Amino acid sequence: MKGNAPILICTLLLFMFNNCGDSPRNTEPSTETLGFIEMHDDELGSILNPDNLPEIIGEGFDWSEGPVWVEEHGFLLFSDIPNNMIYQWSDESGVIPYLQPSGYTGSEERGGETGSNGLIIGHNGELLLCQHGDRRIAVMDAPLNNPAPEFSTLAGSYMGNRFNSPNDLVQHSSGSIYFTDPPYGLAGYVDDPTKELDFQGVFRVDPDGTVTLLTDELSRPNGLAFSPDESLLFVANSDPGRAIWMVYDVTENGGIANGRLFYDATEHVGESPGLPDGMKVNREGIVFATGPGGVWIIKPDATVLGIIRTGEFVSNVAFNADESILFMTADSYLLRLSL
């Protein structure tokens, strides 16, 4: 017994380290899983193995969001909005802090969700952010492998009025950035006294800084994604009373037209956690959209192939470079699913 004491002490210390407090912690790959795959169509088997389960690779976050894979450096970045923080994950290091502050750089106390939300890597290899607290689309003025809370504004207002709280963004091959602007970052949401726009919009900011309103018809525009050929723009509406995904034709001048319903999930709201939120479209045009219950996998013709059920409110998803892995930010978790 005496000879085993060091082993017992080390085991106890490791258990205490991994279970103390509420701070984010790493999880060894393939040790814990969450949820299951619900098949609606046999064609789903050509996209993923339905026996695979989402792996927990990080947990303990207040609200994880905005994942983006950085192929150049082999790591994932994602936001923890309430903590005004961006984390980094890799197989080698697990989850480590990456950037703070990430979304609010002011010195005055303010309510609401202040951190960064959607993140993408721009065409020039820079980090582009939706910043709730600063109410803008920004670029980090530092290398990806040496981050610093130094930002430049790409778009902060429309017709002299500040945005609500830019939420998610995508970049077109032209260099223009398309983004959504719901009120979720404001302390009073749609009734916040500091709200300067009387609508929630989908916008485009061109490389020269020109900001164009594309539509104000959605009550809670949220995630968005282009089809592989950029002819279509999908937009999620995270309103419990109108939980839908819309699709628009992208015109030659960069506008959108012929808005139409892609899929309506309103009847499923409340059955399990989740609303239409972030989304990605793979190279085959398959839509991976967060919604009630988890991640909905939908063909371009709106056929639902299946749902990645997590039991958590999944906010957004991201692929790695070859689309063999799907990362999911799910409330307090970071998940990984092999496709």
C-alpha atoms as a PDB file:
ATOM      1  CA  MET A   1       0.000   0.000   0.000  1.00  0.00           C
ATOM      2  CA  LYS A   2       2.772   2.393   0.926  1.00  0.00           C
ATOM      3  CA  GLY A   3       4.508   1.854  -2.404  1.00  0.00           C
ATOM      4  CA  ASN A   4       1.331   2.900  -4.295  1.00  0.00           C
ATOM      5  CA  ALA A   5       0.905   6.185  -2.386  1.00  0.00           C
ATOM      6  CA  PRO A   6       2.554   8.434  -5.034  1.00  0.00           C
ATOM      7  CA  ILE A   7       0.260   6.995  -7.698  1.00  0.00           C
ATOM      8  CA  LEU A   8      -2.819   7.580  -5.551  1.00  0.00           C
ATOM      9  CA  ILE A   9      -1.748  11.143  -4.733  1.00  0.00           C
ATOM     10  CA  CYS A  10      -1.121  11.960  -8.420  1.00  0.00           C
ATOM     11  CA  THR A  11      -4.489  10.484  -9.380  1.00  0.00           C
ATOM     12  CA  LEU A  12      -6.248  12.552  -6.704  1.00  0.00           C
ATOM     13  CA  LEU A  13      -4.488  15.745  -7.803  1.00  0.00           C
ATOM     14  CA  LEU A  14      -5.371  15.128 -11.443  1.00  0.00           C
ATOM     15  CA  PHE A  15      -9.023  14.570 -10.515  1.00  0.00           C
ATOM     16  CA  MET A  16      -9.089  17.779  -8.462  1.00  0.00           C
ATOM     17  CA  PHE A  17      -7.434  19.781 -11.250  1.00  0.00           C
ATOM     18  CA  ASN A  18      -9.916  18.610 -13.860  1.00  0.00           C
ATOM     19  CA  ASN A  19     -12.990  19.139 -11.699  1.00  0.00           C
ATOM     20  CA  CYS A  20     -12.386  22.280  -9.679  1.00  0.00           C
ATOM     21  CA  GLY A  21     -14.083  25.585 -10.443  1.00  0.00           C
ATOM     22  CA  ASP A  22     -16.031  26.602 -13.523  1.00  0.00           C
ATOM     23  CA  SER A  23     -13.119  27.604 -15.755  1.00  0.00           C
ATOM     24  CA  PRO A  24     -12.822  26.026 -19.222  1.00  0.00           C
ATOM     25  CA  ARG A  25     -10.917  22.786 -19.324  1.00  0.00           C
ATOM     26  CA  ASN A  26      -9.583  20.460 -21.996  1.00  0.00           C
ATOM     27  CA  THR A  27     -11.004  17.018 -22.530  1.00  0.00           C
ATOM     28  CA  GLU A  28      -8.899  14.193 -23.880  1.00  0.00           C
ATOM     29  CA  PRO A  29     -10.097  13.131 -27.358  1.00  0.00           C
ATOM     30  CA  SER A  30     -12.556  10.244 -27.575  1.00  0.00           C
ATOM     31  CA  THR A  31     -13.116  10.050 -23.805  1.00  0.00           C
ATOM     32  CA  GLU A  32     -16.503  11.779 -23.584  1.00  0.00           C
ATOM     33  CA  THR A  33     -19.272  12.104 -26.140  1.00  0.00           C
ATOM     34  CA  LEU A  34     -22.522  14.020 -26.294  1.00  0.00           C
ATOM     35  CA  GLY A  35     -25.663  13.191 -28.244  1.00  0.00           C
ATOM     36  CA  PHE A  36     -26.287  11.009 -31.285  1.00  0.00           C
ATOM     37  CA  ILE A  37     -27.019  11.091 -35.033  1.00  0.00           C
ATOM     38  CA  GLU A  38     -30.672  11.012 -36.059  1.00  0.00           C
ATOM     39  CA  MET A  39     -31.057   9.750 -39.644  1.00  0.00           C
ATOM     40  CA  HIS A  40     -33.960  10.976 -41.751  1.00  0.00           C
ATOM     41  CA  ASP A  41     -32.634   9.730 -45.088  1.00  0.00           C
ATOM     42  CA  ASP A  42     -30.196   6.946 -46.026  1.00  0.00           C
ATOM     43  CA  GLU A  43     -28.257   9.470 -48.106  1.00  0.00           C
ATOM     44  CA  LEU A  44     -26.876  10.848 -44.851  1.00  0.00           C
ATOM     45  CA  GLY A  45     -24.593   7.805 -44.779  1.00  0.00           C
ATOM     46  CA  SER A  46     -22.609   9.260 -47.698  1.00  0.00           C
ATOM     47  CA  ILE A  47     -21.845  12.370 -45.619  1.00  0.00           C
ATOM     48  CA  LEU A  48     -21.082  10.924 -42.194  1.00  0.00           C
ATOM     49  CA  ASN A  49     -20.957   7.675 -40.280  1.00  0.00           C
ATOM     50  CA  PRO A  50     -24.167   7.647 -38.203  1.00  0.00           C
ATOM     51  CA  ASP A  51     -22.366   5.570 -35.569  1.00  0.00           C
ATOM     52  CA  ASN A  52     -19.921   8.396 -34.882  1.00  0.00           C
ATOM     53  CA  LEU A  53     -20.752  10.565 -31.883  1.00  0.00           C
ATOM     54  CA  PRO A  54     -19.838  14.208 -31.139  1.00  0.00           C
ATOM     55  CA  GLU A  55     -16.754  14.294 -28.915  1.00  0.00           C
ATOM     56  CA  ILE A  56     -16.387  16.826 -26.118  1.00  0.00           C
ATOM     57  CA  ILE A  57     -13.013  18.519 -26.673  1.00  0.00           C
ATOM     58  CA  GLY A  58     -13.585  21.508 -24.380  1.00  0.00           C
ATOM     59  CA  GLU A  59     -16.119  22.629 -21.787  1.00  0.00           C
ATOM     60  CA  GLY A  60     -16.836  25.180 -19.077  1.00  0.00           C
ATOM     61  CA  PHE A  61     -17.557  28.177 -21.330  1.00  0.00           C
ATOM     62  CA  ASP A  62     -20.339  30.675 -20.653  1.00  0.00           C
ATOM     63  CA  TRP A  63     -21.562  30.764 -24.270  1.00  0.00           C
ATOM     64  CA  SER A  64     -19.336  29.434 -27.049  1.00  0.00           C
ATOM     65  CA  GLU A  65     -19.805  30.803 -30.563  1.00  0.00           C
ATOM     66  CA  GLY A  66     -18.254  31.647 -33.916  1.00  0.00           C
ATOM     67  CA  PRO A  67     -15.825  28.757 -34.590  1.00  0.00           C
ATOM     68  CA  VAL A  68     -13.348  29.072 -37.447  1.00  0.00           C
ATOM     69  CA  TRP A  69     -10.608  26.669 -38.516  1.00  0.00           C
ATOM     70  CA  VAL A  70      -7.192  28.264 -39.189  1.00  0.00           C
ATOM     71  CA  GLU A  71      -5.509  25.887 -41.610  1.00  0.00           C
ATOM     72  CA  GLU A  72      -2.254  27.856 -41.758  1.00  0.00           C
ATOM     73  CA  HIS A  73      -1.582  27.191 -38.074  1.00  0.00           C
ATOM     74  CA  GLY A  74      -3.641  24.041 -37.488  1.00  0.00           C
ATOM     75  CA  PHE A  75      -5.923  25.406 -34.788  1.00  0.00           C
ATOM     76  CA  LEU A  76      -9.535  26.365 -34.189  1.00  0.00           C
ATOM     77  CA  LEU A  77     -10.624  29.747 -32.840  1.00  0.00           C
ATOM     78  CA  PHE A  78     -13.981  30.371 -31.170  1.00  0.00           C
ATOM     79  CA  SER A  79     -15.644  33.084 -29.091  1.00  0.00           C
ATOM     80  CA  ASP A  80     -16.882  32.965 -25.498  1.00  0.00           C
ATOM     81  CA  ILE A  81     -19.160  35.976 -25.776  1.00  0.00           C
ATOM     82  CA  PRO A  82     -20.001  36.813 -22.129  1.00  0.00           C
ATOM     83  CA  ASN A  83     -16.326  36.594 -21.156  1.00  0.00           C
ATOM     84  CA  ASN A  84     -15.190  38.892 -23.999  1.00  0.00           C
ATOM     85  CA  MET A  85     -12.714  36.159 -24.953  1.00  0.00           C
ATOM     86  CA  ILE A  86     -11.532  34.143 -27.938  1.00  0.00           C
ATOM     87  CA  TYR A  87     -10.104  30.681 -27.244  1.00  0.00           C
ATOM     88  CA  GLN A  88      -7.828  28.527 -29.350  1.00  0.00           C
ATOM     89  CA  TRP A  89      -8.052  24.746 -29.639  1.00  0.00           C
ATOM     90  CA  SER A  90      -5.638  22.270 -31.214  1.00  0.00           C
ATOM     91  CA  ASP A  91      -4.848  18.598 -30.769  1.00  0.00           C
ATOM     92  CA  GLU A  92      -1.512  19.541 -29.273  1.00  0.00           C
ATOM     93  CA  SER A  93      -2.503  22.237 -26.776  1.00  0.00           C
ATOM     94  CA  GLY A  94      -6.213  21.629 -26.206  1.00  0.00           C
ATOM     95  CA  VAL A  95      -8.126  24.785 -25.250  1.00  0.00           C
ATOM     96  CA  ILE A  96      -6.061  27.845 -24.335  1.00  0.00           C
ATOM     97  CA  PRO A  97      -6.863  31.594 -24.168  1.00  0.00           C
ATOM     98  CA  TYR A  98      -6.186  33.399 -27.448  1.00  0.00           C
ATOM     99  CA  LEU A  99      -7.454  36.979 -27.263  1.00  0.00           C
ATOM    100  CA  GLN A 100      -9.053  39.237 -24.640  1.00  0.00           C
ATOM    101  CA  PRO A 101     -10.792  41.611 -25.020  1.00  0.00           C
ATOM    102  CA  SER A 102     -12.321  40.272 -28.193  1.00  0.00           C
ATOM    103  CA  GLY A 103     -15.490  42.298 -28.692  1.00  0.00           C
ATOM    104  CA  TYR A 104     -15.588  45.261 -26.328  1.00  0.00           C
ATOM    105  CA  THR A 105     -12.562  47.498 -26.014  1.00  0.00           C
ATOM    106  CA  GLY A 106     -14.170  50.390 -24.138  1.00  0.00           C
ATOM    107  CA  SER A 107     -13.388  51.375 -20.559  1.00  0.00           C
ATOM    108  CA  GLU A 108     -16.927  52.158 -19.368  1.00  0.00           C
ATOM    109  CA  GLU A 109     -19.056  49.443 -17.838  1.00  0.00           C
ATOM    110  CA  ARG A 110     -21.884  48.316 -20.094  1.00  0.00           C
ATOM    111  CA  GLY A 111     -24.418  45.525 -20.051  1.00  0.00           C
ATOM    112  CA  GLY A 112     -25.279  43.027 -22.693  1.00  0.00           C
ATOM    113  CA  GLU A 113     -23.158  40.374 -24.373  1.00  0.00           C
ATOM    114  CA  THR A 114     -19.926  42.214 -25.056  1.00  0.00           C
ATOM    115  CA  GLY A 115     -17.548  39.727 -26.660  1.00  0.00           C
ATOM    116  CA  SER A 116     -16.890  38.786 -30.243  1.00  0.00           C
ATOM    117  CA  ASN A 117     -19.357  36.500 -31.986  1.00  0.00           C
ATOM    118  CA  GLY A 118     -18.803  35.337 -35.574  1.00  0.00           C
ATOM    119  CA  LEU A 119     -15.196  34.914 -36.731  1.00  0.00           C
ATOM    120  CA  ILE A 120     -13.751  34.243 -40.171  1.00  0.00           C
ATOM    121  CA  ILE A 121     -10.324  34.273 -41.769  1.00  0.00           C
ATOM    122  CA  GLY A 122     -10.315  36.917 -44.498  1.00  0.00           C
ATOM    123  CA  HIS A 123      -8.938  36.531 -47.988  1.00  0.00           C
ATOM    124  CA  ASN A 124      -5.661  38.122 -46.898  1.00  0.00           C
ATOM    125  CA  GLY A 125      -5.249  35.746 -43.963  1.00  0.00           C
ATOM    126  CA  GLU A 126      -6.453  38.189 -41.309  1.00  0.00           C
ATOM    127  CA  LEU A 127      -8.942  37.602 -38.492  1.00  0.00           C
ATOM    128  CA  LEU A 128     -12.287  39.307 -39.126  1.00  0.00           C
ATOM    129  CA  LEU A 129     -14.682  39.644 -36.196  1.00  0.00           C
ATOM    130  CA  CYS A 130     -18.262  40.539 -35.358  1.00  0.00           C
ATOM    131  CA  GLN A 131     -17.811  42.578 -32.183  1.00  0.00           C
ATOM    132  CA  HIS A 132     -20.942  42.825 -30.054  1.00  0.00           C
ATOM    133  CA  GLY A 133     -19.571  45.290 -27.519  1.00  0.00           C
ATOM    134  CA  ASP A 134     -18.027  47.693 -30.019  1.00  0.00           C
ATOM    135  CA  ARG A 135     -20.995  47.160 -32.385  1.00  0.00           C
ATOM    136  CA  ARG A 136     -18.901  46.758 -35.498  1.00  0.00           C
ATOM    137  CA  ILE A 137     -17.204  44.528 -38.049  1.00  0.00           C
ATOM    138  CA  ALA A 138     -13.494  44.688 -37.305  1.00  0.00           C
ATOM    139  CA  VAL A 139     -10.153  43.234 -38.341  1.00  0.00           C
ATOM    140  CA  MET A 140      -7.447  42.270 -35.850  1.00  0.00           C
ATOM    141  CA  ASP A 141      -4.306  44.266 -36.587  1.00  0.00           C
ATOM    142  CA  ALA A 142      -1.931  41.502 -35.518  1.00  0.00           C
ATOM    143  CA  PRO A 143      -0.688  38.203 -36.971  1.00  0.00           C
ATOM    144  CA  LEU A 144      -2.807  35.132 -36.305  1.00  0.00           C
ATOM    145  CA  ASN A 145       0.077  33.424 -34.522  1.00  0.00           C
ATOM    146  CA  ASN A 146       0.792  36.466 -32.340  1.00  0.00           C
ATOM    147  CA  PRO A 147      -2.638  37.907 -31.456  1.00  0.00           C
ATOM    148  CA  ALA A 148      -3.200  41.279 -29.808  1.00  0.00           C
ATOM    149  CA  PRO A 149      -6.387  43.239 -28.969  1.00  0.00           C
ATOM    150  CA  GLU A 150      -5.678  45.817 -31.660  1.00  0.00           C
ATOM    151  CA  PHE A 151      -8.493  46.339 -34.170  1.00  0.00           C
ATOM    152  CA  SER A 152      -9.536  48.473 -37.110  1.00  0.00           C
ATOM    153  CA  THR A 153     -13.173  49.135 -37.982  1.00  0.00           C
ATOM    154  CA  LEU A 154     -14.410  47.842 -41.323  1.00  0.00           C
ATOM    155  CA  ALA A 155     -18.028  48.854 -40.716  1.00  0.00           C
ATOM    156  CA  GLY A 156     -19.586  50.433 -37.648  1.00  0.00           C
ATOM    157  CA  SER A 157     -22.706  52.246 -38.797  1.00  0.00           C
ATOM    158  CA  TYR A 158     -25.342  52.580 -41.484  1.00  0.00           C
ATOM    159  CA  MET A 159     -26.496  56.046 -42.572  1.00  0.00           C
ATOM    160  CA  GLY A 160     -25.029  57.571 -39.430  1.00  0.00           C
ATOM    161  CA  ASN A 161     -26.622  55.086 -37.020  1.00  0.00           C
ATOM    162  CA  ARG A 162     -24.578  52.518 -35.110  1.00  0.00           C
ATOM    163  CA  PHE A 163     -25.251  48.860 -35.732  1.00  0.00           C
ATOM    164  CA  ASN A 164     -27.108  46.828 -33.108  1.00  0.00           C
ATOM    165  CA  SER A 165     -24.592  44.028 -32.528  1.00  0.00           C
ATOM    166  CA  PRO A 166     -23.136  42.364 -35.646  1.00  0.00           C
ATOM    167  CA  ASN A 167     -23.574  38.621 -35.229  1.00  0.00           C
ATOM    168  CA  ASP A 168     -22.181  36.541 -38.100  1.00  0.00           C
ATOM    169  CA  LEU A 169     -20.294  37.194 -41.321  1.00  0.00           C
ATOM    170  CA  VAL A 170     -19.093  35.637 -44.567  1.00  0.00           C
ATOM    171  CA  GLN A 171     -16.785  36.994 -47.248  1.00  0.00           C
ATOM    172  CA  HIS A 172     -17.580  36.908 -50.955  1.00  0.00           C
ATOM    173  CA  SER A 173     -14.862  36.249 -53.543  1.00  0.00           C
ATOM    174  CA  SER A 174     -15.194  39.937 -54.496  1.00  0.00           C
ATOM    175  CA  GLY A 175     -13.872  40.835 -51.042  1.00  0.00           C
ATOM    176  CA  SER A 176     -17.219  42.158 -49.815  1.00  0.00           C
ATOM    177  CA  ILE A 177     -18.322  41.035 -46.360  1.00  0.00           C
ATOM    178  CA  TYR A 178     -21.953  40.064 -45.756  1.00  0.00           C
ATOM    179  CA  PHE A 179     -23.166  40.170 -42.150  1.00  0.00           C
ATOM    180  CA  THR A 180     -26.231  40.084 -39.930  1.00  0.00           C
ATOM    181  CA  ASP A 181     -27.150  42.580 -37.208  1.00  0.00           C
ATOM    182  CA  PRO A 182     -29.685  41.337 -34.626  1.00  0.00           C
ATOM    183  CA  PRO A 183     -29.980  42.975 -31.169  1.00  0.00           C
ATOM    184  CA  TYR A 184     -28.544  40.128 -29.075  1.00  0.00           C
ATOM    185  CA  GLY A 185     -25.500  42.047 -27.867  1.00  0.00           C
ATOM    186  CA  LEU A 186     -27.546  44.913 -26.419  1.00  0.00           C
ATOM    187  CA  ALA A 187     -28.535  44.767 -22.751  1.00  0.00           C
ATOM    188  CA  GLY A 188     -32.189  45.511 -23.565  1.00  0.00           C
ATOM    189  CA  TYR A 189     -32.210  43.623 -26.852  1.00  0.00           C
ATOM    190  CA  VAL A 190     -34.731  45.118 -29.289  1.00  0.00           C
ATOM    191  CA  ASP A 191     -35.945  47.634 -26.664  1.00  0.00           C
ATOM    192  CA  ASP A 192     -32.477  48.802 -25.619  1.00  0.00           C
ATOM    193  CA  PRO A 193     -32.376  52.614 -25.308  1.00  0.00           C
ATOM    194  CA  THR A 194     -29.024  52.749 -27.110  1.00  0.00           C
ATOM    195  CA  LYS A 195     -30.416  50.986 -30.184  1.00  0.00           C
ATOM    196  CA  GLU A 196     -30.090  53.372 -33.123  1.00  0.00           C
ATOM    197  CA  LEU A 197     -31.564  51.312 -35.971  1.00  0.00           C
ATOM    198  CA  ASP A 198     -35.278  50.543 -35.919  1.00  0.00           C
ATOM    199  CA  PHE A 199     -34.791  47.232 -37.727  1.00  0.00           C
ATOM    200  CA  GLN A 200     -32.543  44.153 -37.774  1.00  0.00           C
ATOM    201  CA  GLY A 201     -30.687  43.996 -41.050  1.00  0.00           C
ATOM    202  CA  VAL A 202     -28.532  41.931 -43.360  1.00  0.00           C
ATOM    203  CA  PHE A 203     -25.746  44.139 -44.703  1.00  0.00           C
ATOM    204  CA  ARG A 204     -22.816  44.142 -47.117  1.00  0.00           C
ATOM    205  CA  VAL A 205     -19.638  46.139 -46.641  1.00  0.00           C
ATOM    206  CA  ASP A 206     -17.498  46.489 -49.763  1.00  0.00           C
ATOM    207  CA  PRO A 207     -13.697  46.701 -49.823  1.00  0.00           C
ATOM    208  CA  ASP A 208     -13.962  50.487 -50.182  1.00  0.00           C
ATOM    209  CA  GLY A 209     -15.991  50.700 -46.954  1.00  0.00           C
ATOM    210  CA  THR A 210     -19.406  51.283 -48.542  1.00  0.00           C
ATOM    211  CA  VAL A 211     -22.175  49.750 -46.423  1.00  0.00           C
ATOM    212  CA  THR A 212     -25.351  48.539 -48.159  1.00  0.00           C
ATOM    213  CA  LEU A 213     -28.540  47.296 -46.510  1.00  0.00           C
ATOM    214  CA  LEU A 214     -29.546  44.081 -48.282  1.00  0.00           C
ATOM    215  CA  THR A 215     -32.769  43.329 -46.398  1.00  0.00           C
ATOM    216  CA  ASP A 216     -34.593  44.385 -43.249  1.00  0.00           C
ATOM    217  CA  GLU A 217     -37.401  41.838 -43.560  1.00  0.00           C
ATOM    218  CA  LEU A 218     -36.111  39.367 -40.938  1.00  0.00           C
ATOM    219  CA  SER A 219     -36.921  39.839 -37.266  1.00  0.00           C
ATOM    220  CA  ARG A 220     -33.746  38.130 -35.975  1.00  0.00           C
ATOM    221  CA  PRO A 221     -31.234  37.575 -38.813  1.00  0.00           C
ATOM    222  CA  ASN A 222     -28.412  35.404 -37.550  1.00  0.00           C
ATOM    223  CA  GLY A 223     -26.165  32.882 -39.317  1.00  0.00           C
ATOM    224  CA  LEU A 224     -25.481  33.123 -43.036  1.00  0.00           C
ATOM    225  CA  ALA A 225     -23.573  31.215 -45.700  1.00  0.00           C
ATOM    226  CA  PHE A 226     -23.022  31.180 -49.460  1.00  0.00           C
ATOM    227  CA  SER A 227     -23.637  28.229 -51.739  1.00  0.00           C
ATOM    228  CA  PRO A 228     -20.382  26.861 -53.230  1.00  0.00           C
ATOM    229  CA  ASP A 229     -20.760  28.932 -56.422  1.00  0.00           C
ATOM    230  CA  GLU A 230     -21.877  32.032 -54.453  1.00  0.00           C
ATOM    231  CA  SER A 231     -25.106  32.226 -56.431  1.00  0.00           C
ATOM    232  CA  LEU A 232     -27.188  31.787 -53.266  1.00  0.00           C
ATOM    233  CA  LEU A 233     -27.099  33.315 -49.795  1.00  0.00           C
ATOM    234  CA  PHE A 234     -28.707  31.379 -46.945  1.00  0.00           C
ATOM    235  CA  VAL A 235     -29.772  33.352 -43.852  1.00  0.00           C
ATOM    236  CA  ALA A 236     -31.083  31.989 -40.549  1.00  0.00           C
ATOM    237  CA  ASN A 237     -33.784  33.763 -38.569  1.00  0.00           C
ATOM    238  CA  SER A 238     -33.496  32.923 -34.855  1.00  0.00           C
ATOM    239  CA  ASP A 239     -36.971  34.072 -33.862  1.00  0.00           C
ATOM    240  CA  PRO A 240     -38.880  31.395 -31.873  1.00  0.00           C
ATOM    241  CA  GLY A 241     -42.080  32.570 -33.548  1.00  0.00           C
ATOM    242  CA  ARG A 242     -40.561  32.344 -37.038  1.00  0.00           C
ATOM    243  CA  ALA A 243     -37.675  29.886 -36.834  1.00  0.00           C
ATOM    244  CA  ILE A 244     -36.760  29.692 -40.504  1.00  0.00           C
ATOM    245  CA  TRP A 245     -33.944  29.630 -43.000  1.00  0.00           C
ATOM    246  CA  MET A 246     -34.275  31.931 -45.993  1.00  0.00           C
ATOM    247  CA  VAL A 247     -32.405  31.722 -49.294  1.00  0.00           C
ATOM    248  CA  TYR A 248     -31.712  34.589 -51.713  1.00  0.00           C
ATOM    249  CA  ASP A 249     -30.267  34.869 -55.191  1.00  0.00           C
ATOM    250  CA  VAL A 250     -27.003  36.832 -55.238  1.00  0.00           C
ATOM    251  CA  THR A 251     -27.083  39.363 -58.080  1.00  0.00           C
ATOM    252  CA  GLU A 252     -24.198  40.428 -60.314  1.00  0.00           C
ATOM    253  CA  ASN A 253     -23.750  43.690 -58.395  1.00  0.00           C
ATOM    254  CA  GLY A 254     -23.556  41.889 -55.043  1.00  0.00           C
ATOM    255  CA  GLY A 255     -27.140  42.466 -53.974  1.00  0.00           C
ATOM    256  CA  ILE A 256     -29.696  39.826 -53.067  1.00  0.00           C
ATOM    257  CA  ALA A 257     -33.057  39.148 -54.693  1.00  0.00           C
ATOM    258  CA  ASN A 258     -35.944  36.688 -54.864  1.00  0.00           C
ATOM    259  CA  GLY A 259     -35.934  35.933 -51.140  1.00  0.00           C
ATOM    260  CA  ARG A 260     -37.824  32.722 -50.392  1.00  0.00           C
ATOM    261  CA  LEU A 261     -38.317  30.236 -47.605  1.00  0.00           C
ATOM    262  CA  PHE A 262     -35.716  27.458 -47.585  1.00  0.00           C
ATOM    263  CA  TYR A 263     -36.994  25.562 -44.547  1.00  0.00           C
ATOM    264  CA  ASP A 264     -39.368  26.294 -41.676  1.00  0.00           C
ATOM    265  CA  ALA A 265     -38.513  24.679 -38.322  1.00  0.00           C
ATOM    266  CA  THR A 266     -40.935  26.724 -36.209  1.00  0.00           C
ATOM    267  CA  GLU A 267     -43.080  23.721 -35.286  1.00  0.00           C
ATOM    268  CA  HIS A 268     -40.024  22.078 -33.698  1.00  0.00           C
ATOM    269  CA  VAL A 269     -39.149  24.998 -31.416  1.00  0.00           C
ATOM    270  CA  GLY A 270     -39.391  23.952 -27.803  1.00  0.00           C
ATOM    271  CA  GLU A 271     -39.118  20.216 -28.471  1.00  0.00           C
ATOM    272  CA  SER A 272     -35.421  20.441 -27.585  1.00  0.00           C
ATOM    273  CA  PRO A 273     -32.909  23.292 -27.185  1.00  0.00           C
ATOM    274  CA  GLY A 274     -31.977  25.386 -30.189  1.00  0.00           C
ATOM    275  CA  LEU A 275     -33.022  27.853 -32.865  1.00  0.00           C
ATOM    276  CA  PRO A 276     -31.770  28.615 -36.378  1.00  0.00           C
ATOM    277  CA  ASP A 277     -28.384  30.187 -35.646  1.00  0.00           C
ATOM    278  CA  GLY A 278     -25.009  29.639 -37.303  1.00  0.00           C
ATOM    279  CA  MET A 279     -24.537  27.561 -40.448  1.00  0.00           C
ATOM    280  CA  LYS A 280     -22.012  26.370 -43.019  1.00  0.00           C
ATOM    281  CA  VAL A 281     -22.398  24.924 -46.521  1.00  0.00           C
ATOM    282  CA  ASN A 282     -19.960  22.237 -47.667  1.00  0.00           C
ATOM    283  CA  ARG A 283     -18.428  21.850 -51.129  1.00  0.00           C
ATOM    284  CA  GLU A 284     -21.344  19.691 -52.287  1.00  0.00           C
ATOM    285  CA  GLY A 285     -23.860  22.352 -51.290  1.00  0.00           C
ATOM    286  CA  ILE A 286     -25.133  20.488 -48.216  1.00  0.00           C
ATOM    287  CA  VAL A 287     -26.307  22.911 -45.518  1.00  0.00           C
ATOM    288  CA  PHE A 288     -25.190  22.254 -41.927  1.00  0.00           C
ATOM    289  CA  ALA A 289     -27.493  24.544 -39.964  1.00  0.00           C
ATOM    290  CA  THR A 290     -27.881  24.800 -36.206  1.00  0.00           C
ATOM    291  CA  GLY A 291     -31.506  24.602 -35.166  1.00  0.00           C
ATOM    292  CA  PRO A 292     -33.942  22.961 -32.744  1.00  0.00           C
ATOM    293  CA  GLY A 293     -32.233  19.877 -31.342  1.00  0.00           C
ATOM    294  CA  GLY A 294     -28.771  20.365 -32.783  1.00  0.00           C
ATOM    295  CA  VAL A 295     -27.335  20.588 -36.308  1.00  0.00           C
ATOM    296  CA  TRP A 296     -29.693  20.034 -39.221  1.00  0.00           C
ATOM    297  CA  ILE A 297     -28.153  18.539 -42.371  1.00  0.00           C
ATOM    298  CA  ILE A 298     -30.184  19.690 -45.374  1.00  0.00           C
ATOM    299  CA  LYS A 299     -29.781  19.127 -49.126  1.00  0.00           C
ATOM    300  CA  PRO A 300     -29.999  22.084 -51.558  1.00  0.00           C
ATOM    301  CA  ASP A 301     -33.545  20.974 -52.417  1.00  0.00           C
ATOM    302  CA  ALA A 302     -34.466  21.380 -48.697  1.00  0.00           C
ATOM    303  CA  THR A 303     -34.595  17.630 -47.976  1.00  0.00           C
ATOM    304  CA  VAL A 304     -33.568  17.053 -44.359  1.00  0.00           C
ATOM    305  CA  LEU A 305     -31.076  14.165 -44.281  1.00  0.00           C
ATOM    306  CA  GLY A 306     -30.660  14.088 -40.515  1.00  0.00           C
ATOM    307  CA  ILE A 307     -29.912  15.953 -37.312  1.00  0.00           C
ATOM    308  CA  ILE A 308     -26.851  15.826 -35.079  1.00  0.00           C
ATOM    309  CA  ARG A 309     -28.663  15.709 -31.747  1.00  0.00           C
ATOM    310  CA  THR A 310     -26.647  17.156 -28.859  1.00  0.00           C
ATOM    311  CA  GLY A 311     -29.233  17.977 -26.192  1.00  0.00           C
ATOM    312  CA  GLU A 312     -27.631  21.421 -26.078  1.00  0.00           C
ATOM    313  CA  PHE A 313     -28.249  24.758 -27.800  1.00  0.00           C
ATOM    314  CA  VAL A 314     -25.738  24.585 -30.683  1.00  0.00           C
ATOM    315  CA  SER A 315     -24.781  28.098 -31.757  1.00  0.00           C
ATOM    316  CA  ASN A 316     -22.520  27.521 -34.752  1.00  0.00           C
ATOM    317  CA  VAL A 317     -20.373  25.077 -36.709  1.00  0.00           C
ATOM    318  CA  ALA A 318     -17.133  25.028 -38.702  1.00  0.00           C
ATOM    319  CA  PHE A 319     -15.335  22.550 -40.960  1.00  0.00           C
ATOM    320  CA  ASN A 320     -11.643  21.817 -41.022  1.00  0.00           C
ATOM    321  CA  ALA A 321      -9.864  22.347 -44.354  1.00  0.00           C
ATOM    322  CA  ASP A 322     -10.805  19.059 -46.029  1.00  0.00           C
ATOM    323  CA  GLU A 323     -14.270  18.936 -44.437  1.00  0.00           C
ATOM    324  CA  SER A 324     -13.516  15.662 -42.664  1.00  0.00           C
ATOM    325  CA  ILE A 325     -14.315  17.169 -39.248  1.00  0.00           C
ATOM    326  CA  LEU A 326     -17.221  19.297 -38.062  1.00  0.00           C
ATOM    327  CA  PHE A 327     -16.631  21.489 -35.014  1.00  0.00           C
ATOM    328  CA  MET A 328     -19.650  22.671 -33.006  1.00  0.00           C
ATOM    329  CA  THR A 329     -19.977  25.344 -30.344  1.00  0.00           C
ATOM    330  CA  ALA A 330     -22.757  24.131 -28.048  1.00  0.00           C
ATOM    331  CA  ASP A 331     -23.479  26.408 -25.087  1.00  0.00           C
ATOM    332  CA  SER A 332     -20.745  25.518 -22.567  1.00  0.00           C
ATOM    333  CA  TYR A 333     -19.151  22.899 -24.841  1.00  0.00           C
ATOM    334  CA  LEU A 334     -16.816  22.640 -27.810  1.00  0.00           C
ATOM    335  CA  LEU A 335     -17.607  19.490 -29.814  1.00  0.00           C
ATOM    336  CA  ARG A 336     -15.958  17.611 -32.674  1.00  0.00           C
ATOM    337  CA  LEU A 337     -17.552  15.113 -35.053  1.00  0.00           C
ATOM    338  CA  SER A 338     -15.650  13.063 -37.623  1.00  0.00           C
ATOM    339  CA  LEU A 339     -17.542  13.061 -40.912  1.00  0.00           C
END
